[in-house]
Amino acid sequence: MAKIKIKKGDKVQVLAGAYKGKQGQVLVVYPDKNRAIVEGVNIVKKHKKPSAESPQGSIIEKEATIHISNLGLLDPKTGKPTRISYKIEGDTKVRVATKSGQAI
């Protein structure tokens, strides 16, 4: 299983699919499934059964997971998608944007 370089809270852009070009923040990452939930991306409609709280039932729109390979981390300097490399600074391992060389 490949290491996931995208973390919760990162700003990402969708690189492929119906939501190509949309940007959002990562809300949840599922490393075992290689998927993530991004704010405002891959919206699906979920039908809720009638219950005591809502006797009518309802249709809720929420974000579904999207595959990690379709996401690109946004470079903090340029604001464009970039790949990620790692650099060891002192005792810590730091993620670095390959396009600008800036630490993330």
Protein backbone atom coordinates (compact mmCIF):
# COMPACT_ATOMS: atom_id res chain seq x y z
CA MET A 1 0.00 0.00 0.00
CA ALA A 2 1.40 3.39 -1.03
CA LYS A 3 1.96 6.17 1.50
CA ILE A 4 -0.68 8.90 1.38
CA LYS A 5 0.92 12.34 1.24
CA ILE A 6 -2.32 14.30 1.63
CA LYS A 7 -3.42 15.03 5.18
CA LYS A 8 -6.56 16.35 6.88
CA GLY A 9 -6.83 20.14 6.55
CA ASP A 10 -4.80 20.41 3.31
CA LYS A 11 -6.06 22.59 0.44
CA VAL A 12 -6.38 20.39 -2.67
CA GLN A 13 -7.58 20.61 -6.25
CA VAL A 14 -9.42 17.84 -8.10
CA LEU A 15 -7.31 16.73 -11.09
CA ALA A 16 -9.76 14.36 -12.81
CA GLY A 17 -13.44 13.48 -12.97
CA ALA A 18 -16.70 15.41 -12.90
CA TYR A 19 -15.39 17.92 -10.35
CA LYS A 20 -12.11 18.60 -12.18
CA GLY A 21 -10.66 22.00 -11.28
CA LYS A 22 -12.65 22.43 -8.04
CA GLN A 23 -10.69 23.29 -4.92
CA GLY A 24 -11.48 22.51 -1.31
CA GLN A 25 -10.18 21.49 2.07
CA VAL A 26 -9.66 17.84 3.02
CA LEU A 27 -12.10 16.90 5.81
CA VAL A 28 -11.27 13.20 6.30
CA VAL A 29 -8.65 10.80 4.90
CA TYR A 30 -9.17 7.01 4.70
CA PRO A 31 -5.63 5.62 4.14
CA ASP A 32 -6.74 1.97 4.04
CA LYS A 33 -9.08 2.74 1.10
CA ASN A 34 -6.85 5.43 -0.56
CA ARG A 35 -9.78 7.86 -0.45
CA ALA A 36 -10.58 11.26 1.06
CA ILE A 37 -13.55 13.55 1.61
CA VAL A 38 -13.07 17.07 0.23
CA GLU A 39 -15.30 19.99 1.19
CA GLY A 40 -17.78 20.84 -1.60
CA VAL A 41 -16.60 18.05 -3.94
CA ASN A 42 -18.40 14.86 -5.08
CA ILE A 43 -21.80 15.84 -3.66
CA VAL A 44 -24.31 12.96 -3.44
CA LYS A 45 -27.95 12.85 -2.34
CA LYS A 46 -28.78 10.58 0.58
CA HIS A 47 -32.41 9.65 1.24
CA LYS A 48 -33.30 9.59 4.94
CA LYS A 49 -36.09 7.37 6.20
CA PRO A 50 -38.97 8.99 8.09
CA SER A 51 -38.31 9.06 11.85
CA ALA A 52 -39.70 10.66 15.00
CA GLU A 53 -37.58 13.78 14.40
CA SER A 54 -38.55 14.16 10.74
CA PRO A 55 -41.84 12.37 10.00
CA GLN A 56 -41.63 13.33 6.32
CA GLY A 57 -38.15 11.93 5.78
CA SER A 58 -35.73 14.00 3.73
CA ILE A 59 -33.04 14.11 1.07
CA ILE A 60 -29.65 15.26 2.34
CA GLU A 61 -26.77 16.42 0.15
CA LYS A 62 -23.35 15.48 1.47
CA GLU A 63 -19.79 14.90 0.28
CA ALA A 64 -18.76 11.40 -0.76
CA THR A 65 -15.20 10.06 -0.88
CA ILE A 66 -12.91 10.68 -3.84
CA HIS A 67 -9.79 8.70 -4.75
CA ILE A 68 -6.48 10.20 -3.59
CA SER A 69 -4.99 9.87 -7.10
CA ASN A 70 -7.53 12.44 -8.35
CA LEU A 71 -6.34 15.08 -5.87
CA GLY A 72 -3.38 17.44 -6.08
CA LEU A 73 -2.09 19.39 -3.09
CA LEU A 74 -2.05 23.14 -3.73
CA ASP A 75 1.35 24.83 -3.61
CA PRO A 76 1.31 27.51 -0.88
CA LYS A 77 3.39 29.87 -3.07
CA THR A 78 1.73 29.56 -6.51
CA GLY A 79 -1.71 28.17 -5.61
CA LYS A 80 -1.41 25.46 -8.29
CA PRO A 81 -1.40 21.67 -7.78
CA THR A 82 2.01 20.16 -7.03
CA ARG A 83 3.59 16.86 -6.11
CA ILE A 84 5.05 16.39 -2.65
CA SER A 85 8.53 15.37 -1.58
CA TYR A 86 10.09 15.10 1.87
CA LYS A 87 13.09 16.82 3.38
CA ILE A 88 14.70 16.22 6.77
CA GLU A 89 15.35 19.46 8.63
CA GLY A 90 17.15 18.79 11.91
CA ASP A 91 15.13 16.11 13.67
CA THR A 92 11.86 16.58 11.76
CA LYS A 93 10.64 15.29 8.42
CA VAL A 94 8.95 18.10 6.43
CA ARG A 95 6.66 17.91 3.39
CA VAL A 96 7.93 20.08 0.53
CA ALA A 97 6.14 21.24 -2.64
CA THR A 98 8.20 20.05 -5.62
CA LYS A 99 7.27 23.01 -7.87
CA SER A 100 8.36 25.83 -5.55
CA GLY A 101 10.52 23.96 -3.00
CA GLN A 102 8.55 25.58 -0.17
CA ALA A 103 7.71 23.66 3.02
CA ILE A 104 4.05 22.84 3.52
